[in-house]
Protein backbone atom coordinates (compact mmCIF):
# COMPACT_ATOMS: atom_id res chain seq x y z
CA MET A 1 21.61 -35.09 133.11
CA TRP A 2 23.38 -31.39 133.78
CA LYS A 3 25.13 -32.71 136.40
CA LEU A 4 27.21 -34.55 134.00
CA TYR A 5 27.94 -31.16 132.11
CA PHE A 6 28.01 -28.54 135.11
CA ASN A 7 28.94 -28.41 139.03
CA PHE A 8 27.87 -26.76 141.48
CA ILE A 9 30.25 -25.02 143.45
CA LYS A 10 30.56 -22.83 146.48
CA LEU A 11 27.07 -23.70 147.89
CA LYS A 12 25.14 -26.84 149.36
CA PRO A 13 22.67 -27.86 146.28
CA GLY A 14 19.29 -26.63 147.39
CA ARG A 15 17.08 -23.74 146.16
CA VAL A 16 18.96 -20.61 145.25
CA ILE A 17 16.84 -17.32 143.27
CA THR A 18 17.84 -16.33 140.19
CA SER A 19 17.76 -13.44 138.84
CA GLN A 20 17.06 -14.71 135.37
CA CYS A 21 15.34 -18.03 135.67
CA GLY A 22 14.08 -17.53 139.54
CA ASP A 23 13.88 -20.18 141.83
CA ILE A 24 15.50 -23.16 140.98
CA ASP A 25 16.15 -26.54 143.25
CA PHE A 26 19.47 -27.38 142.57
CA ARG A 27 19.12 -30.74 143.98
CA SER A 28 16.88 -31.74 141.15
CA ASP A 29 18.16 -33.49 138.38
CA ASN A 30 15.39 -32.31 135.55
CA ILE A 31 16.75 -28.62 135.24
CA SER A 32 16.82 -28.49 131.53
CA ILE A 33 20.67 -28.38 129.91
CA GLU A 34 19.45 -24.87 128.18
CA THR A 35 18.57 -23.36 131.82
CA ILE A 36 21.58 -24.11 132.95
CA LYS A 37 23.79 -23.16 130.08
CA LYS A 38 21.70 -19.89 130.41
CA LEU A 39 23.16 -19.24 133.61
CA TYR A 40 26.91 -20.16 132.99
CA GLU A 41 26.91 -18.36 130.04
CA SER A 42 25.79 -15.03 132.13
CA ASP A 43 28.73 -15.52 134.84
CA PHE A 44 26.39 -17.13 137.84
CA PRO A 45 29.01 -17.96 140.49
CA TYR A 46 28.18 -21.22 141.45
CA LEU A 47 28.28 -23.25 137.97
CA GLN A 48 31.49 -24.67 136.87
CA ILE A 49 31.95 -26.35 133.40
CA THR A 50 33.49 -30.27 133.58
CA GLU A 51 35.62 -31.32 130.97
CA LEU A 52 32.17 -33.35 129.51
CA GLY A 53 30.32 -30.16 129.51
CA LYS A 54 33.37 -28.66 127.30
CA LYS A 55 33.42 -31.28 124.94
CA GLU A 56 29.71 -32.31 124.24
CA LEU A 57 28.45 -28.17 124.32
CA TYR A 58 31.25 -26.35 122.95
CA GLY A 59 32.87 -28.69 121.00
CA ILE A 60 36.21 -27.34 123.22
CA ASP A 61 38.36 -30.60 123.70
CA PRO A 62 40.50 -31.07 126.52
CA VAL A 63 44.29 -30.52 126.56
CA THR A 64 46.12 -33.32 127.92
CA GLU A 65 49.94 -33.00 129.01
CA ASN A 66 50.89 -34.68 125.34
CA THR A 67 49.03 -32.05 123.39
CA ALA A 68 49.65 -28.64 125.64
CA VAL A 69 51.99 -26.05 124.06
CA THR A 70 54.72 -25.26 125.91
CA LYS A 71 57.15 -22.15 125.02
CA LYS A 72 60.51 -22.82 125.70
CA THR A 73 62.95 -19.59 125.96
CA LYS A 74 66.09 -19.62 124.88
CA VAL A 75 69.00 -18.29 127.79
CA VAL A 76 71.26 -15.90 126.21
CA ARG A 77 74.05 -15.26 128.33
CA ASN A 78 76.87 -12.23 128.17
CA ARG A 79 79.69 -12.67 125.94
CA LYS A 80 82.56 -10.28 126.02
CA VAL A 81 83.21 -9.43 122.59
CA THR A 82 87.30 -8.78 121.67
CA SER A 83 88.48 -6.66 118.87
């Protein structure tokens, strides 16, 4: 279930010993969401949140191209002022 919300990155999925939760086998599908979320929030380097995880767990809607805010820059050219 946790694999819908997070990706395991940088390592081959398997047993990892963590300082907070001890020995965790990331090949397993039945790791609790609370455990994975706790690791993610403590900057565990091998977890990456998915777009579904952002939406379901944190209420962050994914940004699409149509809703993205872009900053327009104004080009100012040097003009000679004659008096």
